[in-house]
Amino acid sequence: MRIAQEGGFASDEETLDPCTYRLVHMFRTMLNSKIQAGVPFNVAVLELSNTINIRQLTINNLLSEYSPEELSAIDIDLYSDWIILQAGSKIKEADPVSMFTANLLRKMF
């Protein structure tokens, strides 16, 4: 959680807290399946956000580890953006430009 709040990437994802680790790998799996079908990363993120409520899925997972009081101190939108970027950081087809535009597109549509 600390790495996400600071805005950096985790080079060793094993150091992430269990909830963050679970979310990163869940999103990476979903994004990878779309990318393997030929969809660009930023479009895959947009399609995923139109299919599921990323914010609510993030909240539900955080509630398994944190109390509602602790959760109120977390910027869920920033955290879910970071989760998407961290998931993309290990996908070779996700270039920096598509990773940057992915969350912008998600907020616009």
N, C-alpha and C. Protein backbone atom coordinates (compact mmCIF):
# COMPACT_ATOMS: atom_id res chain seq x y z
N MET A 1 0.83 -1.19 0.00
CA MET A 1 0.00 0.00 0.00
C MET A 1 0.88 1.25 0.00
N ARG A 2 1.97 1.23 0.76
CA ARG A 2 2.85 2.39 0.86
C ARG A 2 3.42 2.76 -0.50
N ILE A 3 3.84 1.77 -1.28
CA ILE A 3 4.42 2.04 -2.61
C ILE A 3 3.39 2.70 -3.51
N ALA A 4 2.16 2.22 -3.46
CA ALA A 4 1.09 2.80 -4.27
C ALA A 4 0.84 4.25 -3.88
N GLN A 5 0.84 4.54 -2.59
CA GLN A 5 0.59 5.90 -2.13
C GLN A 5 1.72 6.84 -2.52
N GLU A 6 2.94 6.31 -2.61
CA GLU A 6 4.09 7.13 -3.00
C GLU A 6 4.20 7.28 -4.51
N GLY A 7 3.50 6.45 -5.26
CA GLY A 7 3.47 6.58 -6.71
C GLY A 7 4.56 5.84 -7.45
N GLY A 8 5.37 5.07 -6.76
CA GLY A 8 6.43 4.32 -7.44
C GLY A 8 5.94 2.95 -7.86
N PHE A 9 6.78 2.26 -8.63
CA PHE A 9 6.46 0.89 -9.01
C PHE A 9 7.20 -0.07 -8.10
N ALA A 10 6.62 -1.22 -7.87
CA ALA A 10 7.26 -2.26 -7.08
C ALA A 10 8.02 -3.17 -8.02
N SER A 11 9.34 -3.16 -7.91
CA SER A 11 10.12 -4.05 -8.76
C SER A 11 9.98 -5.49 -8.29
N ASP A 12 9.84 -5.69 -6.99
CA ASP A 12 9.61 -7.02 -6.44
C ASP A 12 8.20 -7.05 -5.87
N GLU A 13 7.27 -7.59 -6.62
CA GLU A 13 5.87 -7.58 -6.20
C GLU A 13 5.61 -8.46 -4.99
N GLU A 14 6.55 -9.32 -4.64
CA GLU A 14 6.40 -10.15 -3.45
C GLU A 14 6.39 -9.29 -2.18
N THR A 15 6.90 -8.06 -2.27
CA THR A 15 6.94 -7.18 -1.10
C THR A 15 5.62 -6.42 -0.89
N LEU A 16 4.70 -6.54 -1.83
CA LEU A 16 3.41 -5.86 -1.71
C LEU A 16 2.57 -6.53 -0.63
N ASP A 17 1.67 -5.76 -0.03
CA ASP A 17 0.76 -6.38 0.93
C ASP A 17 -0.15 -7.35 0.17
N PRO A 18 -0.73 -8.34 0.86
CA PRO A 18 -1.50 -9.39 0.17
C PRO A 18 -2.63 -8.87 -0.71
N CYS A 19 -3.34 -7.85 -0.25
CA CYS A 19 -4.46 -7.32 -1.03
C CYS A 19 -3.98 -6.67 -2.32
N THR A 20 -2.94 -5.86 -2.23
CA THR A 20 -2.40 -5.19 -3.41
C THR A 20 -1.84 -6.21 -4.39
N TYR A 21 -1.12 -7.19 -3.88
CA TYR A 21 -0.56 -8.26 -4.71
C TYR A 21 -1.67 -8.98 -5.47
N ARG A 22 -2.73 -9.32 -4.76
CA ARG A 22 -3.88 -10.01 -5.36
C ARG A 22 -4.52 -9.17 -6.46
N LEU A 23 -4.72 -7.88 -6.20
CA LEU A 23 -5.34 -6.99 -7.19
C LEU A 23 -4.47 -6.83 -8.43
N VAL A 24 -3.17 -6.63 -8.23
CA VAL A 24 -2.25 -6.47 -9.36
C VAL A 24 -2.31 -7.70 -10.26
N HIS A 25 -2.24 -8.87 -9.65
CA HIS A 25 -2.22 -10.09 -10.46
C HIS A 25 -3.58 -10.38 -11.10
N MET A 26 -4.64 -10.03 -10.43
CA MET A 26 -5.97 -10.22 -11.01
C MET A 26 -6.13 -9.33 -12.25
N PHE A 27 -5.75 -8.05 -12.12
CA PHE A 27 -5.87 -7.15 -13.26
C PHE A 27 -4.89 -7.52 -14.38
N ARG A 28 -3.69 -7.94 -14.01
CA ARG A 28 -2.72 -8.35 -15.03
C ARG A 28 -3.26 -9.53 -15.84
N THR A 29 -3.88 -10.48 -15.17
CA THR A 29 -4.44 -11.65 -15.86
C THR A 29 -5.54 -11.22 -16.82
N MET A 30 -6.44 -10.35 -16.36
CA MET A 30 -7.54 -9.89 -17.22
C MET A 30 -7.00 -9.09 -18.40
N LEU A 31 -6.03 -8.20 -18.15
CA LEU A 31 -5.47 -7.39 -19.23
C LEU A 31 -4.68 -8.24 -20.21
N ASN A 32 -3.93 -9.19 -19.69
CA ASN A 32 -3.12 -10.06 -20.55
C ASN A 32 -3.98 -10.85 -21.53
N SER A 33 -5.14 -11.31 -21.07
CA SER A 33 -6.00 -12.08 -21.98
C SER A 33 -6.49 -11.21 -23.13
N LYS A 34 -6.76 -9.95 -22.87
CA LYS A 34 -7.19 -9.04 -23.94
C LYS A 34 -6.02 -8.71 -24.87
N ILE A 35 -4.86 -8.47 -24.29
CA ILE A 35 -3.68 -8.13 -25.09
C ILE A 35 -3.28 -9.30 -25.98
N GLN A 36 -3.37 -10.52 -25.47
CA GLN A 36 -3.04 -11.70 -26.28
C GLN A 36 -4.00 -11.84 -27.46
N ALA A 37 -5.19 -11.25 -27.33
CA ALA A 37 -6.15 -11.27 -28.43
C ALA A 37 -5.90 -10.12 -29.42
N GLY A 38 -4.84 -9.33 -29.17
CA GLY A 38 -4.47 -8.27 -30.11
C GLY A 38 -4.95 -6.88 -29.74
N VAL A 39 -5.52 -6.72 -28.57
CA VAL A 39 -6.03 -5.41 -28.14
C VAL A 39 -4.88 -4.61 -27.51
N PRO A 40 -4.66 -3.34 -27.91
CA PRO A 40 -3.63 -2.52 -27.27
C PRO A 40 -3.93 -2.32 -25.78
N PHE A 41 -2.89 -2.10 -25.00
CA PHE A 41 -3.03 -2.00 -23.54
C PHE A 41 -4.07 -0.96 -23.13
N ASN A 42 -3.97 0.26 -23.67
CA ASN A 42 -4.91 1.30 -23.23
C ASN A 42 -6.35 0.96 -23.59
N VAL A 43 -6.56 0.32 -24.72
CA VAL A 43 -7.92 -0.11 -25.10
C VAL A 43 -8.37 -1.25 -24.19
N ALA A 44 -7.45 -2.14 -23.83
CA ALA A 44 -7.78 -3.25 -22.92
C ALA A 44 -8.25 -2.71 -21.57
N VAL A 45 -7.57 -1.67 -21.07
CA VAL A 45 -7.97 -1.05 -19.80
C VAL A 45 -9.35 -0.43 -19.94
N LEU A 46 -9.59 0.27 -21.04
CA LEU A 46 -10.89 0.90 -21.26
C LEU A 46 -11.99 -0.15 -21.35
N GLU A 47 -11.75 -1.22 -22.11
CA GLU A 47 -12.74 -2.31 -22.21
C GLU A 47 -12.99 -2.94 -20.85
N LEU A 48 -11.94 -3.15 -20.09
CA LEU A 48 -12.08 -3.75 -18.77
C LEU A 48 -12.90 -2.86 -17.85
N SER A 49 -12.65 -1.55 -17.90
CA SER A 49 -13.39 -0.64 -17.04
C SER A 49 -14.85 -0.51 -17.47
N ASN A 50 -15.14 -0.79 -18.73
CA ASN A 50 -16.54 -0.80 -19.18
C ASN A 50 -17.24 -2.10 -18.81
N THR A 51 -16.46 -3.15 -18.57
CA THR A 51 -17.01 -4.46 -18.24
C THR A 51 -17.24 -4.62 -16.74
N ILE A 52 -16.27 -4.18 -15.96
CA ILE A 52 -16.38 -4.29 -14.50
C ILE A 52 -16.21 -2.92 -13.87
N ASN A 53 -16.67 -2.78 -12.65
CA ASN A 53 -16.48 -1.55 -11.90
C ASN A 53 -15.16 -1.68 -11.14
N ILE A 54 -14.08 -1.15 -11.73
CA ILE A 54 -12.74 -1.30 -11.16
C ILE A 54 -12.68 -0.71 -9.75
N ARG A 55 -13.30 0.42 -9.56
CA ARG A 55 -13.28 1.08 -8.25
C ARG A 55 -13.95 0.20 -7.20
N GLN A 56 -15.12 -0.34 -7.51
CA GLN A 56 -15.84 -1.16 -6.54
C GLN A 56 -15.10 -2.47 -6.26
N LEU A 57 -14.52 -3.06 -7.29
CA LEU A 57 -13.74 -4.28 -7.12
C LEU A 57 -12.54 -4.02 -6.21
N THR A 58 -11.92 -2.87 -6.38
CA THR A 58 -10.79 -2.48 -5.53
C THR A 58 -11.24 -2.31 -4.08
N ILE A 59 -12.35 -1.61 -3.89
CA ILE A 59 -12.88 -1.40 -2.53
C ILE A 59 -13.21 -2.73 -1.87
N ASN A 60 -13.89 -3.61 -2.59
CA ASN A 60 -14.27 -4.91 -2.02
C ASN A 60 -13.04 -5.70 -1.59
N ASN A 61 -11.99 -5.66 -2.39
CA ASN A 61 -10.76 -6.37 -2.03
C ASN A 61 -10.07 -5.72 -0.84
N LEU A 62 -10.05 -4.40 -0.80
CA LEU A 62 -9.43 -3.70 0.33
C LEU A 62 -10.17 -3.98 1.63
N LEU A 63 -11.48 -4.12 1.56
CA LEU A 63 -12.26 -4.40 2.77
C LEU A 63 -11.93 -5.76 3.37
N SER A 64 -11.33 -6.64 2.58
CA SER A 64 -10.92 -7.94 3.13
C SER A 64 -9.67 -7.80 4.01
N GLU A 65 -8.95 -6.69 3.89
CA GLU A 65 -7.71 -6.49 4.65
C GLU A 65 -7.77 -5.29 5.60
N TYR A 66 -8.62 -4.31 5.29
CA TYR A 66 -8.64 -3.07 6.04
C TYR A 66 -10.04 -2.79 6.59
N SER A 67 -10.08 -2.11 7.72
CA SER A 67 -11.36 -1.70 8.29
C SER A 67 -11.91 -0.52 7.49
N PRO A 68 -13.22 -0.26 7.59
CA PRO A 68 -13.78 0.91 6.90
C PRO A 68 -13.10 2.22 7.30
N GLU A 69 -12.66 2.31 8.56
CA GLU A 69 -11.97 3.52 9.01
C GLU A 69 -10.63 3.67 8.30
N GLU A 70 -9.88 2.57 8.19
CA GLU A 70 -8.60 2.61 7.48
C GLU A 70 -8.83 2.89 6.00
N LEU A 71 -9.88 2.33 5.45
CA LEU A 71 -10.19 2.50 4.03
C LEU A 71 -10.52 3.95 3.70
N SER A 72 -11.13 4.66 4.64
CA SER A 72 -11.49 6.06 4.38
C SER A 72 -10.26 6.95 4.21
N ALA A 73 -9.11 6.49 4.67
CA ALA A 73 -7.87 7.27 4.53
C ALA A 73 -7.16 7.01 3.21
N ILE A 74 -7.69 6.09 2.41
CA ILE A 74 -7.05 5.70 1.14
C ILE A 74 -7.76 6.40 -0.02
N ASP A 75 -6.99 6.99 -0.92
CA ASP A 75 -7.55 7.57 -2.14
C ASP A 75 -7.77 6.42 -3.12
N ILE A 76 -8.99 5.92 -3.18
CA ILE A 76 -9.31 4.72 -3.96
C ILE A 76 -9.02 4.93 -5.44
N ASP A 77 -9.33 6.09 -5.97
CA ASP A 77 -9.10 6.34 -7.40
C ASP A 77 -7.61 6.30 -7.73
N LEU A 78 -6.81 6.96 -6.92
CA LEU A 78 -5.36 6.95 -7.12
C LEU A 78 -4.81 5.53 -6.97
N TYR A 79 -5.29 4.82 -5.97
CA TYR A 79 -4.84 3.45 -5.72
C TYR A 79 -5.21 2.52 -6.88
N SER A 80 -6.44 2.62 -7.39
CA SER A 80 -6.83 1.75 -8.51
C SER A 80 -6.07 2.12 -9.78
N ASP A 81 -5.77 3.41 -9.98
CA ASP A 81 -4.92 3.81 -11.12
C ASP A 81 -3.55 3.16 -11.00
N TRP A 82 -2.99 3.19 -9.80
CA TRP A 82 -1.68 2.61 -9.58
C TRP A 82 -1.71 1.10 -9.83
N ILE A 83 -2.77 0.44 -9.40
CA ILE A 83 -2.91 -1.01 -9.60
C ILE A 83 -2.85 -1.33 -11.10
N ILE A 84 -3.58 -0.55 -11.90
CA ILE A 84 -3.58 -0.76 -13.35
C ILE A 84 -2.17 -0.57 -13.92
N LEU A 85 -1.49 0.50 -13.50
CA LEU A 85 -0.14 0.76 -14.00
C LEU A 85 0.84 -0.31 -13.54
N GLN A 86 0.73 -0.75 -12.29
CA GLN A 86 1.61 -1.81 -11.80
C GLN A 86 1.36 -3.11 -12.57
N ALA A 87 0.11 -3.40 -12.84
CA ALA A 87 -0.22 -4.60 -13.63
C ALA A 87 0.40 -4.50 -15.01
N GLY A 88 0.33 -3.33 -15.62
CA GLY A 88 0.89 -3.14 -16.95
C GLY A 88 2.41 -3.10 -16.99
N SER A 89 3.02 -2.80 -15.85
CA SER A 89 4.48 -2.67 -15.83
C SER A 89 5.21 -3.97 -16.15
N LYS A 90 4.54 -5.09 -16.01
CA LYS A 90 5.18 -6.39 -16.30
C LYS A 90 4.63 -7.03 -17.58
N ILE A 91 3.82 -6.28 -18.32
CA ILE A 91 3.30 -6.78 -19.60
C ILE A 91 4.14 -6.14 -20.70
N LYS A 92 4.85 -6.96 -21.46
CA LYS A 92 5.80 -6.40 -22.43
C LYS A 92 5.13 -5.57 -23.51
N GLU A 93 3.86 -5.82 -23.82
CA GLU A 93 3.17 -5.05 -24.85
C GLU A 93 2.66 -3.70 -24.34
N ALA A 94 2.80 -3.45 -23.06
CA ALA A 94 2.31 -2.20 -22.47
C ALA A 94 3.45 -1.18 -22.45
N ASP A 95 3.48 -0.32 -23.46
CA ASP A 95 4.51 0.72 -23.53
C ASP A 95 4.11 1.89 -22.61
N PRO A 96 5.06 2.75 -22.24
CA PRO A 96 4.77 3.86 -21.32
C PRO A 96 3.64 4.78 -21.78
N VAL A 97 3.55 5.06 -23.07
CA VAL A 97 2.50 5.95 -23.57
C VAL A 97 1.12 5.32 -23.38
N SER A 98 0.98 4.06 -23.74
CA SER A 98 -0.33 3.42 -23.58
C SER A 98 -0.68 3.26 -22.11
N MET A 99 0.33 3.05 -21.25
CA MET A 99 0.05 2.97 -19.82
C MET A 99 -0.43 4.32 -19.29
N PHE A 100 0.19 5.40 -19.75
CA PHE A 100 -0.20 6.73 -19.30
C PHE A 100 -1.62 7.07 -19.78
N THR A 101 -1.90 6.78 -21.05
CA THR A 101 -3.21 7.13 -21.59
C THR A 101 -4.32 6.21 -21.09
N ALA A 102 -3.96 5.02 -20.62
CA ALA A 102 -4.97 4.07 -20.17
C ALA A 102 -5.86 4.65 -19.08
N ASN A 103 -5.26 5.20 -18.03
CA ASN A 103 -6.06 5.75 -16.94
C ASN A 103 -6.75 7.05 -17.32
N LEU A 104 -6.14 7.83 -18.22
CA LEU A 104 -6.82 9.04 -18.70
C LEU A 104 -8.09 8.67 -19.47
N LEU A 105 -7.99 7.69 -20.34
CA LEU A 105 -9.17 7.24 -21.09
C LEU A 105 -10.24 6.70 -20.16
N ARG A 106 -9.81 5.97 -19.14
CA ARG A 106 -10.76 5.39 -18.19
C ARG A 106 -11.55 6.48 -17.47
N LYS A 107 -10.89 7.59 -17.16
CA LYS A 107 -11.57 8.69 -16.47
C LYS A 107 -12.50 9.46 -17.41
N MET A 108 -12.16 9.49 -18.70
CA MET A 108 -12.96 10.24 -19.66
C MET A 108 -14.23 9.51 -20.06
N PHE A 109 -14.18 8.17 -20.10
CA PHE A 109 -15.33 7.42 -20.61
C PHE A 109 -15.97 6.60 -19.54
